[in-house]
Amino acid sequence: PVVLWFTGLSGSGKSTVANAVERKLLSLGKHSYLLDGDNVRHGLNKDL
């Protein structure tokens, strides 16, 4: 288990690349979860 911490400017491609990586992990039978900046602000961090 590990955290893959994608960092970069807005529009750099963080979410797109991370999503593609997770898709590849799934195809390899690996267990993963993607925490996306915008998605998290809809719930856990919507007060920030």
ModelCIF file with pLDDT and N, C-alpha, C, O atoms, coordinates in Angstrom:
data_MODEL
#
_entry.id   MODEL 
#
_entity.id                         1 
_entity.type                       polymer 
_entity.pdbx_number_of_molecules   1 
#
_entity_poly.entity_id                      1 
_entity_poly.type                           'polypeptide(L)' 
_entity_poly.nstd_linkage                   no 
_entity_poly.nstd_monomer                   no 
_entity_poly.pdbx_seq_one_letter_code       PVVLWFTGLSGSGKSTVANAVERKLLSLGKHSYLLDGDNVRHGLNKDL 
_entity_poly.pdbx_seq_one_letter_code_can   PVVLWFTGLSGSGKSTVANAVERKLLSLGKHSYLLDGDNVRHGLNKDL 
_entity_poly.pdbx_strand_id                 A 
#
loop_
_entity_poly_seq.entity_id 
_entity_poly_seq.num 
_entity_poly_seq.mon_id 
_entity_poly_seq.hetero 
1 1  PRO n 
1 2  VAL n 
1 3  VAL n 
1 4  LEU n 
1 5  TRP n 
1 6  PHE n 
1 7  THR n 
1 8  GLY n 
1 9  LEU n 
1 10 SER n 
1 11 GLY n 
1 12 SER n 
1 13 GLY n 
1 14 LYS n 
1 15 SER n 
1 16 THR n 
1 17 VAL n 
1 18 ALA n 
1 19 ASN n 
1 20 ALA n 
1 21 VAL n 
1 22 GLU n 
1 23 ARG n 
1 24 LYS n 
1 25 LEU n 
1 26 LEU n 
1 27 SER n 
1 28 LEU n 
1 29 GLY n 
1 30 LYS n 
1 31 HIS n 
1 32 SER n 
1 33 TYR n 
1 34 LEU n 
1 35 LEU n 
1 36 ASP n 
1 37 GLY n 
1 38 ASP n 
1 39 ASN n 
1 40 VAL n 
1 41 ARG n 
1 42 HIS n 
1 43 GLY n 
1 44 LEU n 
1 45 ASN n 
1 46 LYS n 
1 47 ASP n 
1 48 LEU n 
#
_struct_asym.id          A 
_struct_asym.entity_id   1 
#
loop_
_ma_qa_metric.id 
_ma_qa_metric.mode 
_ma_qa_metric.name 
_ma_qa_metric.software_group_id 
_ma_qa_metric.type 
1 global pLDDT . pLDDT 
2 local  pLDDT . pLDDT 
#
_ma_qa_metric_global.metric_id      1 
_ma_qa_metric_global.metric_value   92.69 
_ma_qa_metric_global.model_id       1 
_ma_qa_metric_global.ordinal_id     1 
#
loop_
_ma_qa_metric_local.label_asym_id 
_ma_qa_metric_local.label_comp_id 
_ma_qa_metric_local.label_seq_id 
_ma_qa_metric_local.metric_id 
_ma_qa_metric_local.metric_value 
_ma_qa_metric_local.model_id 
_ma_qa_metric_local.ordinal_id 
A PRO 1  2 97.00 1 1  
A VAL 2  2 97.00 1 2  
A VAL 3  2 98.00 1 3  
A LEU 4  2 98.00 1 4  
A TRP 5  2 97.00 1 5  
A PHE 6  2 97.00 1 6  
A THR 7  2 97.00 1 7  
A GLY 8  2 96.00 1 8  
A LEU 9  2 96.00 1 9  
A SER 10 2 93.00 1 10 
A GLY 11 2 93.00 1 11 
A SER 12 2 95.00 1 12 
A GLY 13 2 94.00 1 13 
A LYS 14 2 95.00 1 14 
A SER 15 2 93.00 1 15 
A THR 16 2 95.00 1 16 
A VAL 17 2 97.00 1 17 
A ALA 18 2 97.00 1 18 
A ASN 19 2 97.00 1 19 
A ALA 20 2 98.00 1 20 
A VAL 21 2 98.00 1 21 
A GLU 22 2 98.00 1 22 
A ARG 23 2 98.00 1 23 
A LYS 24 2 98.00 1 24 
A LEU 25 2 98.00 1 25 
A LEU 26 2 97.00 1 26 
A SER 27 2 97.00 1 27 
A LEU 28 2 97.00 1 28 
A GLY 29 2 96.00 1 29 
A LYS 30 2 97.00 1 30 
A HIS 31 2 96.00 1 31 
A SER 32 2 97.00 1 32 
A TYR 33 2 95.00 1 33 
A LEU 34 2 94.00 1 34 
A LEU 35 2 92.00 1 35 
A ASP 36 2 83.00 1 36 
A GLY 37 2 75.00 1 37 
A ASP 38 2 77.00 1 38 
A ASN 39 2 81.00 1 39 
A VAL 40 2 80.00 1 40 
A ARG 41 2 82.00 1 41 
A HIS 42 2 85.00 1 42 
A GLY 43 2 83.00 1 43 
A LEU 44 2 82.00 1 44 
A ASN 45 2 88.00 1 45 
A LYS 46 2 89.00 1 46 
A ASP 47 2 89.00 1 47 
A LEU 48 2 87.00 1 48 
#
loop_
_atom_site.group_PDB 
_atom_site.id 
_atom_site.type_symbol 
_atom_site.label_atom_id 
_atom_site.label_alt_id 
_atom_site.label_comp_id 
_atom_site.label_asym_id 
_atom_site.label_entity_id 
_atom_site.label_seq_id 
_atom_site.pdbx_PDB_ins_code 
_atom_site.Cartn_x 
_atom_site.Cartn_y 
_atom_site.Cartn_z 
_atom_site.occupancy 
_atom_site.B_iso_or_equiv 
_atom_site.pdbx_formal_charge 
_atom_site.auth_seq_id 
_atom_site.auth_comp_id 
_atom_site.auth_asym_id 
_atom_site.auth_atom_id 
_atom_site.pdbx_PDB_model_num 
ATOM 1   N N  . PRO A 1 1  ? 0.822   -1.207 0.000   1.00 97.00 ? 1  PRO A N  1 
ATOM 2   C CA . PRO A 1 1  ? 0.000   0.000  0.000   1.00 97.00 ? 1  PRO A CA 1 
ATOM 3   C C  . PRO A 1 1  ? 0.854   1.254  0.000   1.00 97.00 ? 1  PRO A C  1 
ATOM 4   O O  . PRO A 1 1  ? 1.918   1.297  0.617   1.00 97.00 ? 1  PRO A O  1 
ATOM 5   N N  . VAL A 1 2  ? 0.377   2.272  -0.697  1.00 97.00 ? 2  VAL A N  1 
ATOM 6   C CA . VAL A 1 2  ? 1.147   3.506  -0.842  1.00 97.00 ? 2  VAL A CA 1 
ATOM 7   C C  . VAL A 1 2  ? 0.211   4.637  -1.242  1.00 97.00 ? 2  VAL A C  1 
ATOM 8   O O  . VAL A 1 2  ? -0.860  4.401  -1.801  1.00 97.00 ? 2  VAL A O  1 
ATOM 9   N N  . VAL A 1 3  ? 0.620   5.854  -0.953  1.00 98.00 ? 3  VAL A N  1 
ATOM 10  C CA . VAL A 1 3  ? -0.090  7.040  -1.438  1.00 98.00 ? 3  VAL A CA 1 
ATOM 11  C C  . VAL A 1 3  ? 0.659   7.583  -2.647  1.00 98.00 ? 3  VAL A C  1 
ATOM 12  O O  . VAL A 1 3  ? 1.843   7.910  -2.557  1.00 98.00 ? 3  VAL A O  1 
ATOM 13  N N  . LEU A 1 4  ? -0.023  7.675  -3.758  1.00 98.00 ? 4  LEU A N  1 
ATOM 14  C CA . LEU A 1 4  ? 0.507   8.350  -4.950  1.00 98.00 ? 4  LEU A CA 1 
ATOM 15  C C  . LEU A 1 4  ? -0.041  9.771  -4.927  1.00 98.00 ? 4  LEU A C  1 
ATOM 16  O O  . LEU A 1 4  ? -1.210  9.996  -5.240  1.00 98.00 ? 4  LEU A O  1 
ATOM 17  N N  . TRP A 1 5  ? 0.801   10.722 -4.558  1.00 97.00 ? 5  TRP A N  1 
ATOM 18  C CA . TRP A 1 5  ? 0.342   12.108 -4.361  1.00 97.00 ? 5  TRP A CA 1 
ATOM 19  C C  . TRP A 1 5  ? 0.649   12.925 -5.624  1.00 97.00 ? 5  TRP A C  1 
ATOM 20  O O  . TRP A 1 5  ? 1.770   13.396 -5.816  1.00 97.00 ? 5  TRP A O  1 
ATOM 21  N N  . PHE A 1 6  ? -0.362  13.080 -6.475  1.00 97.00 ? 6  PHE A N  1 
ATOM 22  C CA . PHE A 1 6  ? -0.218  13.852 -7.706  1.00 97.00 ? 6  PHE A CA 1 
ATOM 23  C C  . PHE A 1 6  ? -0.370  15.340 -7.381  1.00 97.00 ? 6  PHE A C  1 
ATOM 24  O O  . PHE A 1 6  ? -1.403  15.768 -6.868  1.00 97.00 ? 6  PHE A O  1 
ATOM 25  N N  . THR A 1 7  ? 0.654   16.109 -7.679  1.00 97.00 ? 7  THR A N  1 
ATOM 26  C CA . THR A 1 7  ? 0.630   17.551 -7.430  1.00 97.00 ? 7  THR A CA 1 
ATOM 27  C C  . THR A 1 7  ? 1.040   18.303 -8.689  1.00 97.00 ? 7  THR A C  1 
ATOM 28  O O  . THR A 1 7  ? 1.866   17.823 -9.465  1.00 97.00 ? 7  THR A O  1 
ATOM 29  N N  . GLY A 1 8  ? 0.465   19.471 -8.888  1.00 96.00 ? 8  GLY A N  1 
ATOM 30  C CA . GLY A 1 8  ? 0.769   20.285 -10.061 1.00 96.00 ? 8  GLY A CA 1 
ATOM 31  C C  . GLY A 1 8  ? -0.261  21.381 -10.204 1.00 96.00 ? 8  GLY A C  1 
ATOM 32  O O  . GLY A 1 8  ? -1.254  21.415 -9.478  1.00 96.00 ? 8  GLY A O  1 
ATOM 33  N N  . LEU A 1 9  ? -0.021  22.269 -11.134 1.00 96.00 ? 9  LEU A N  1 
ATOM 34  C CA . LEU A 1 9  ? -0.933  23.389 -11.358 1.00 96.00 ? 9  LEU A CA 1 
ATOM 35  C C  . LEU A 1 9  ? -2.304  22.921 -11.837 1.00 96.00 ? 9  LEU A C  1 
ATOM 36  O O  . LEU A 1 9  ? -2.453  21.801 -12.327 1.00 96.00 ? 9  LEU A O  1 
ATOM 37  N N  . SER A 1 10 ? -3.286  23.776 -11.692 1.00 93.00 ? 10 SER A N  1 
ATOM 38  C CA . SER A 1 10 ? -4.595  23.513 -12.278 1.00 93.00 ? 10 SER A CA 1 
ATOM 39  C C  . SER A 1 10 ? -4.438  23.370 -13.789 1.00 93.00 ? 10 SER A C  1 
ATOM 40  O O  . SER A 1 10 ? -3.797  24.204 -14.430 1.00 93.00 ? 10 SER A O  1 
ATOM 41  N N  . GLY A 1 11 ? -5.015  22.325 -14.354 1.00 93.00 ? 11 GLY A N  1 
ATOM 42  C CA . GLY A 1 11 ? -4.891  22.108 -15.794 1.00 93.00 ? 11 GLY A CA 1 
ATOM 43  C C  . GLY A 1 11 ? -3.656  21.335 -16.197 1.00 93.00 ? 11 GLY A C  1 
ATOM 44  O O  . GLY A 1 11 ? -3.421  21.120 -17.386 1.00 93.00 ? 11 GLY A O  1 
ATOM 45  N N  . SER A 1 12 ? -2.852  20.910 -15.218 1.00 95.00 ? 12 SER A N  1 
ATOM 46  C CA . SER A 1 12 ? -1.621  20.185 -15.542 1.00 95.00 ? 12 SER A CA 1 
ATOM 47  C C  . SER A 1 12 ? -1.906  18.761 -16.003 1.00 95.00 ? 12 SER A C  1 
ATOM 48  O O  . SER A 1 12 ? -1.103  18.156 -16.714 1.00 95.00 ? 12 SER A O  1 
ATOM 49  N N  . GLY A 1 13 ? -3.052  18.234 -15.594 1.00 94.00 ? 13 GLY A N  1 
ATOM 50  C CA . GLY A 1 13 ? -3.408  16.868 -15.977 1.00 94.00 ? 13 GLY A CA 1 
ATOM 51  C C  . GLY A 1 13 ? -3.377  15.888 -14.817 1.00 94.00 ? 13 GLY A C  1 
ATOM 52  O O  . GLY A 1 13 ? -3.380  14.676 -15.032 1.00 94.00 ? 13 GLY A O  1 
ATOM 53  N N  . LYS A 1 14 ? -3.347  16.394 -13.591 1.00 95.00 ? 14 LYS A N  1 
ATOM 54  C CA . LYS A 1 14 ? -3.266  15.527 -12.408 1.00 95.00 ? 14 LYS A CA 1 
ATOM 55  C C  . LYS A 1 14 ? -4.385  14.496 -12.367 1.00 95.00 ? 14 LYS A C  1 
ATOM 56  O O  . LYS A 1 14 ? -4.131  13.294 -12.278 1.00 95.00 ? 14 LYS A O  1 
ATOM 57  N N  . SER A 1 15 ? -5.617  14.971 -12.432 1.00 93.00 ? 15 SER A N  1 
ATOM 58  C CA . SER A 1 15 ? -6.764  14.068 -12.322 1.00 93.00 ? 15 SER A CA 1 
ATOM 59  C C  . SER A 1 15 ? -6.832  13.105 -13.499 1.00 93.00 ? 15 SER A C  1 
ATOM 60  O O  . SER A 1 15 ? -7.160  11.931 -13.333 1.00 93.00 ? 15 SER A O  1 
ATOM 61  N N  . THR A 1 16 ? -6.522  13.605 -14.682 1.00 95.00 ? 16 THR A N  1 
ATOM 62  C CA . THR A 1 16 ? -6.584  12.781 -15.883 1.00 95.00 ? 16 THR A CA 1 
ATOM 63  C C  . THR A 1 16 ? -5.563  11.652 -15.823 1.00 95.00 ? 16 THR A C  1 
ATOM 64  O O  . THR A 1 16 ? -5.878  10.499 -16.119 1.00 95.00 ? 16 THR A O  1 
ATOM 65  N N  . VAL A 1 17 ? -4.339  11.994 -15.438 1.00 97.00 ? 17 VAL A N  1 
ATOM 66  C CA . VAL A 1 17 ? -3.285  10.981 -15.338 1.00 97.00 ? 17 VAL A CA 1 
ATOM 67  C C  . VAL A 1 17 ? -3.586  10.009 -14.200 1.00 97.00 ? 17 VAL A C  1 
ATOM 68  O O  . VAL A 1 17 ? -3.444  8.797  -14.364 1.00 97.00 ? 17 VAL A O  1 
ATOM 69  N N  . ALA A 1 18 ? -4.001  10.535 -13.046 1.00 97.00 ? 18 ALA A N  1 
ATOM 70  C CA . ALA A 1 18 ? -4.312  9.675  -11.907 1.00 97.00 ? 18 ALA A CA 1 
ATOM 71  C C  . ALA A 1 18 ? -5.429  8.700  -12.256 1.00 97.00 ? 18 ALA A C  1 
ATOM 72  O O  . ALA A 1 18 ? -5.381  7.531  -11.871 1.00 97.00 ? 18 ALA A O  1 
ATOM 73  N N  . ASN A 1 19 ? -6.426  9.173  -12.977 1.00 97.00 ? 19 ASN A N  1 
ATOM 74  C CA . ASN A 1 19 ? -7.530  8.315  -13.393 1.00 97.00 ? 19 ASN A CA 1 
ATOM 75  C C  . ASN A 1 19 ? -7.033  7.208  -14.317 1.00 97.00 ? 19 ASN A C  1 
ATOM 76  O O  . ASN A 1 19 ? -7.460  6.059  -14.204 1.00 97.00 ? 19 ASN A O  1 
ATOM 77  N N  . ALA A 1 20 ? -6.135  7.556  -15.224 1.00 98.00 ? 20 ALA A N  1 
ATOM 78  C CA . ALA A 1 20 ? -5.573  6.567  -16.149 1.00 98.00 ? 20 ALA A CA 1 
ATOM 79  C C  . ALA A 1 20 ? -4.724  5.539  -15.402 1.00 98.00 ? 20 ALA A C  1 
ATOM 80  O O  . ALA A 1 20 ? -4.722  4.356  -15.744 1.00 98.00 ? 20 ALA A O  1 
ATOM 81  N N  . VAL A 1 21 ? -4.004  6.001  -14.384 1.00 98.00 ? 21 VAL A N  1 
ATOM 82  C CA . VAL A 1 21 ? -3.207  5.082  -13.573 1.00 98.00 ? 21 VAL A CA 1 
ATOM 83  C C  . VAL A 1 21 ? -4.116  4.116  -12.820 1.00 98.00 ? 21 VAL A C  1 
ATOM 84  O O  . VAL A 1 21 ? -3.842  2.917  -12.763 1.00 98.00 ? 21 VAL A O  1 
ATOM 85  N N  . GLU A 1 22 ? -5.194  4.638  -12.244 1.00 98.00 ? 22 GLU A N  1 
ATOM 86  C CA . GLU A 1 22 ? -6.094  3.754  -11.506 1.00 98.00 ? 22 GLU A CA 1 
ATOM 87  C C  . GLU A 1 22 ? -6.733  2.727  -12.428 1.00 98.00 ? 22 GLU A C  1 
ATOM 88  O O  . GLU A 1 22 ? -6.918  1.575  -12.035 1.00 98.00 ? 22 GLU A O  1 
ATOM 89  N N  . ARG A 1 23 ? -7.069  3.123  -13.636 1.00 98.00 ? 23 ARG A N  1 
ATOM 90  C CA . ARG A 1 23 ? -7.631  2.181  -14.598 1.00 98.00 ? 23 ARG A CA 1 
ATOM 91  C C  . ARG A 1 23 ? -6.629  1.060  -14.880 1.00 98.00 ? 23 ARG A C  1 
ATOM 92  O O  . ARG A 1 23 ? -7.013  -0.106 -14.973 1.00 98.00 ? 23 ARG A O  1 
ATOM 93  N N  . LYS A 1 24 ? -5.367  1.402  -15.013 1.00 98.00 ? 24 LYS A N  1 
ATOM 94  C CA . LYS A 1 24 ? -4.337  0.392  -15.245 1.00 98.00 ? 24 LYS A CA 1 
ATOM 95  C C  . LYS A 1 24 ? -4.180  -0.522 -14.022 1.00 98.00 ? 24 LYS A C  1 
ATOM 96  O O  . LYS A 1 24 ? -4.000  -1.732 -14.164 1.00 98.00 ? 24 LYS A O  1 
ATOM 97  N N  . LEU A 1 25 ? -4.249  0.064  -12.827 1.00 98.00 ? 25 LEU A N  1 
ATOM 98  C CA . LEU A 1 25 ? -4.158  -0.745 -11.616 1.00 98.00 ? 25 LEU A CA 1 
ATOM 99  C C  . LEU A 1 25 ? -5.320  -1.737 -11.540 1.00 98.00 ? 25 LEU A C  1 
ATOM 100 O O  . LEU A 1 25 ? -5.137  -2.892 -11.155 1.00 98.00 ? 25 LEU A O  1 
ATOM 101 N N  . LEU A 1 26 ? -6.489  -1.283 -11.903 1.00 97.00 ? 26 LEU A N  1 
ATOM 102 C CA . LEU A 1 26 ? -7.659  -2.159 -11.905 1.00 97.00 ? 26 LEU A CA 1 
ATOM 103 C C  . LEU A 1 26 ? -7.458  -3.329 -12.867 1.00 97.00 ? 26 LEU A C  1 
ATOM 104 O O  . LEU A 1 26 ? -7.784  -4.470 -12.544 1.00 97.00 ? 26 LEU A O  1 
ATOM 105 N N  . SER A 1 27 ? -6.924  -3.038 -14.039 1.00 97.00 ? 27 SER A N  1 
ATOM 106 C CA . SER A 1 27 ? -6.697  -4.089 -15.031 1.00 97.00 ? 27 SER A CA 1 
ATOM 107 C C  . SER A 1 27 ? -5.661  -5.106 -14.548 1.00 97.00 ? 27 SER A C  1 
ATOM 108 O O  . SER A 1 27 ? -5.629  -6.244 -15.017 1.00 97.00 ? 27 SER A O  1 
ATOM 109 N N  . LEU A 1 28 ? -4.816  -4.683 -13.607 1.00 97.00 ? 28 LEU A N  1 
ATOM 110 C CA . LEU A 1 28 ? -3.807  -5.573 -13.043 1.00 97.00 ? 28 LEU A CA 1 
ATOM 111 C C  . LEU A 1 28 ? -4.319  -6.290 -11.794 1.00 97.00 ? 28 LEU A C  1 
ATOM 112 O O  . LEU A 1 28 ? -3.584  -7.043 -11.156 1.00 97.00 ? 28 LEU A O  1 
ATOM 113 N N  . GLY A 1 29 ? -5.575  -6.051 -11.455 1.00 96.00 ? 29 GLY A N  1 
ATOM 114 C CA . GLY A 1 29 ? -6.168  -6.704 -10.295 1.00 96.00 ? 29 GLY A CA 1 
ATOM 115 C C  . GLY A 1 29 ? -5.764  -6.093 -8.968  1.00 96.00 ? 29 GLY A C  1 
ATOM 116 O O  . GLY A 1 29 ? -5.821  -6.761 -7.936  1.00 96.00 ? 29 GLY A O  1 
ATOM 117 N N  . LYS A 1 30 ? -5.353  -4.821 -8.983  1.00 97.00 ? 30 LYS A N  1 
ATOM 118 C CA . LYS A 1 30 ? -4.909  -4.151 -7.761  1.00 97.00 ? 30 LYS A CA 1 
ATOM 119 C C  . LYS A 1 30 ? -6.037  -3.342 -7.135  1.00 97.00 ? 30 LYS A C  1 
ATOM 120 O O  . LYS A 1 30 ? -6.970  -2.911 -7.813  1.00 97.00 ? 30 LYS A O  1 
ATOM 121 N N  . HIS A 1 31 ? -5.926  -3.147 -5.835  1.00 96.00 ? 31 HIS A N  1 
ATOM 122 C CA . HIS A 1 31 ? -6.948  -2.434 -5.064  1.00 96.00 ? 31 HIS A CA 1 
ATOM 123 C C  . HIS A 1 31 ? -6.509  -0.989 -4.853  1.00 96.00 ? 31 HIS A C  1 
ATOM 124 O O  . HIS A 1 31 ? -5.461  -0.732 -4.259  1.00 96.00 ? 31 HIS A O  1 
ATOM 125 N N  . SER A 1 32 ? -7.311  -0.050 -5.339  1.00 97.00 ? 32 SER A N  1 
ATOM 126 C CA . SER A 1 32 ? -6.927  1.361  -5.252  1.00 97.00 ? 32 SER A CA 1 
ATOM 127 C C  . SER A 1 32 ? -8.161  2.242  -5.089  1.00 97.00 ? 32 SER A C  1 
ATOM 128 O O  . SER A 1 32 ? -9.296  1.799  -5.266  1.00 97.00 ? 32 SER A O  1 
ATOM 129 N N  . TYR A 1 33 ? -7.902  3.505  -4.746  1.00 95.00 ? 33 TYR A N  1 
ATOM 130 C CA . TYR A 1 33 ? -8.990  4.494  -4.699  1.00 95.00 ? 33 TYR A CA 1 
ATOM 131 C C  . TYR A 1 33 ? -8.414  5.867  -5.004  1.00 95.00 ? 33 TYR A C  1 
ATOM 132 O O  . TYR A 1 33 ? -7.367  6.248  -4.481  1.00 95.00 ? 33 TYR A O  1 
ATOM 133 N N  . LEU A 1 34 ? -9.113  6.602  -5.860  1.00 94.00 ? 34 LEU A N  1 
ATOM 134 C CA . LEU A 1 34 ? -8.676  7.936  -6.264  1.00 94.00 ? 34 LEU A CA 1 
ATOM 135 C C  . LEU A 1 34 ? -9.444  9.013  -5.512  1.00 94.00 ? 34 LEU A C  1 
ATOM 136 O O  . LEU A 1 34 ? -10.671 9.082  -5.580  1.00 94.00 ? 34 LEU A O  1 
ATOM 137 N N  . LEU A 1 35 ? -8.709  9.846  -4.801  1.00 92.00 ? 35 LEU A N  1 
ATOM 138 C CA . LEU A 1 35 ? -9.278  11.007 -4.121  1.00 92.00 ? 35 LEU A CA 1 
ATOM 139 C C  . LEU A 1 35 ? -8.975  12.238 -4.970  1.00 92.00 ? 35 LEU A C  1 
ATOM 140 O O  . LEU A 1 35 ? -7.823  12.663 -5.063  1.00 92.00 ? 35 LEU A O  1 
ATOM 141 N N  . ASP A 1 36 ? -9.995  12.804 -5.582  1.00 83.00 ? 36 ASP A N  1 
ATOM 142 C CA . ASP A 1 36 ? -9.817  13.948 -6.476  1.00 83.00 ? 36 ASP A CA 1 
ATOM 143 C C  . ASP A 1 36 ? -10.153 15.249 -5.755  1.00 83.00 ? 36 ASP A C  1 
ATOM 144 O O  . ASP A 1 36 ? -11.100 15.311 -4.971  1.00 83.00 ? 36 ASP A O  1 
ATOM 145 N N  . GLY A 1 37 ? -9.372  16.279 -6.028  1.00 75.00 ? 37 GLY A N  1 
ATOM 146 C CA . GLY A 1 37 ? -9.531  17.552 -5.337  1.00 75.00 ? 37 GLY A CA 1 
ATOM 147 C C  . GLY A 1 37 ? -10.928 18.138 -5.418  1.00 75.00 ? 37 GLY A C  1 
ATOM 148 O O  . GLY A 1 37 ? -11.490 18.535 -4.398  1.00 75.00 ? 37 GLY A O  1 
ATOM 149 N N  . ASP A 1 38 ? -11.497 18.198 -6.615  1.00 77.00 ? 38 ASP A N  1 
ATOM 150 C CA . ASP A 1 38 ? -12.839 18.761 -6.783  1.00 77.00 ? 38 ASP A CA 1 
ATOM 151 C C  . ASP A 1 38 ? -13.892 17.895 -6.109  1.00 77.00 ? 38 ASP A C  1 
ATOM 152 O O  . ASP A 1 38 ? -14.804 18.408 -5.462  1.00 77.00 ? 38 ASP A O  1 
ATOM 153 N N  . ASN A 1 39 ? -13.765 16.578 -6.262  1.00 81.00 ? 39 ASN A N  1 
ATOM 154 C CA . ASN A 1 39 ? -14.758 15.669 -5.691  1.00 81.00 ? 39 ASN A CA 1 
ATOM 155 C C  . ASN A 1 39 ? -14.802 15.766 -4.171  1.00 81.00 ? 39 ASN A C  1 
ATOM 156 O O  . ASN A 1 39 ? -15.880 15.765 -3.576  1.00 81.00 ? 39 ASN A O  1 
ATOM 157 N N  . VAL A 1 40 ? -13.645 15.847 -3.550  1.00 80.00 ? 40 VAL A N  1 
ATOM 158 C CA . VAL A 1 40 ? -13.588 15.914 -2.089  1.00 80.00 ? 40 VAL A CA 1 
ATOM 159 C C  . VAL A 1 40 ? -14.220 17.203 -1.576  1.00 80.00 ? 40 VAL A C  1 
ATOM 160 O O  . VAL A 1 40 ? -14.798 17.222 -0.489  1.00 80.00 ? 40 VAL A O  1 
ATOM 161 N N  . ARG A 1 41 ? -14.115 18.267 -2.344  1.00 82.00 ? 41 ARG A N  1 
ATOM 162 C CA . ARG A 1 41 ? -14.707 19.548 -1.928  1.00 82.00 ? 41 ARG A CA 1 
ATOM 163 C C  . ARG A 1 41 ? -16.234 19.553 -2.055  1.00 82.00 ? 41 ARG A C  1 
ATOM 164 O O  . ARG A 1 41 ? -16.885 20.497 -1.609  1.00 82.00 ? 41 ARG A O  1 
ATOM 165 N N  . HIS A 1 42 ? -16.801 18.520 -2.651  1.00 85.00 ? 42 HIS A N  1 
ATOM 166 C CA . HIS A 1 42 ? -18.261 18.393 -2.685  1.00 85.00 ? 42 HIS A CA 1 
ATOM 167 C C  . HIS A 1 42 ? -18.807 17.807 -1.382  1.00 85.00 ? 42 HIS A C  1 
ATOM 168 O O  . HIS A 1 42 ? -20.002 17.911 -1.104  1.00 85.00 ? 42 HIS A O  1 
ATOM 169 N N  . GLY A 1 43 ? -17.938 17.195 -0.591  1.00 83.00 ? 43 GLY A N  1 
ATOM 170 C CA . GLY A 1 43 ? -18.407 16.548 0.626   1.00 83.00 ? 43 GLY A CA 1 
ATOM 171 C C  . GLY A 1 43 ? -17.545 16.859 1.822   1.00 83.00 ? 43 GLY A C  1 
ATOM 172 O O  . GLY A 1 43 ? -17.812 17.811 2.556   1.00 83.00 ? 43 GLY A O  1 
ATOM 173 N N  . LEU A 1 44 ? -16.509 16.061 2.027   1.00 82.00 ? 44 LEU A N  1 
ATOM 174 C CA . LEU A 1 44 ? -15.641 16.172 3.208   1.00 82.00 ? 44 LEU A CA 1 
ATOM 175 C C  . LEU A 1 44 ? -15.139 17.591 3.441   1.00 82.00 ? 44 LEU A C  1 
ATOM 176 O O  . LEU A 1 44 ? -15.108 18.065 4.576   1.00 82.00 ? 44 LEU A O  1 
ATOM 177 N N  . ASN A 1 45 ? -14.744 18.269 2.362   1.00 88.00 ? 45 ASN A N  1 
ATOM 178 C CA . ASN A 1 45 ? -14.127 19.593 2.512   1.00 88.00 ? 45 ASN A CA 1 
ATOM 179 C C  . ASN A 1 45 ? -14.978 20.718 1.919   1.00 88.00 ? 45 ASN A C  1 
ATOM 180 O O  . ASN A 1 45 ? -14.444 21.749 1.509   1.00 88.00 ? 45 ASN A O  1 
ATOM 181 N N  . LYS A 1 46 ? -16.282 20.525 1.874   1.00 89.00 ? 46 LYS A N  1 
ATOM 182 C CA . LYS A 1 46 ? -17.130 21.550 1.263   1.00 89.00 ? 46 LYS A CA 1 
ATOM 183 C C  . LYS A 1 46 ? -17.219 22.827 2.096   1.00 89.00 ? 46 LYS A C  1 
ATOM 184 O O  . LYS A 1 46 ? -17.685 23.859 1.612   1.00 89.00 ? 46 LYS A O  1 
ATOM 185 N N  . ASP A 1 47 ? -16.770 22.753 3.346   1.00 89.00 ? 47 ASP A N  1 
ATOM 186 C CA . ASP A 1 47 ? -16.789 23.933 4.209   1.00 89.00 ? 47 ASP A CA 1 
ATOM 187 C C  . ASP A 1 47 ? -15.546 24.794 4.050   1.00 89.00 ? 47 ASP A C  1 
ATOM 188 O O  . ASP A 1 47 ? -15.434 25.838 4.693   1.00 89.00 ? 47 ASP A O  1 
ATOM 189 N N  . LEU A 1 48 ? -14.606 24.374 3.199   1.00 87.00 ? 48 LEU A N  1 
ATOM 190 C CA . LEU A 1 48 ? -13.343 25.096 3.055   1.00 87.00 ? 48 LEU A CA 1 
ATOM 191 C C  . LEU A 1 48 ? -13.320 25.966 1.807   1.00 87.00 ? 48 LEU A C  1 
ATOM 192 O O  . LEU A 1 48 ? -12.325 26.639 1.541   1.00 87.00 ? 48 LEU A O  1 
#
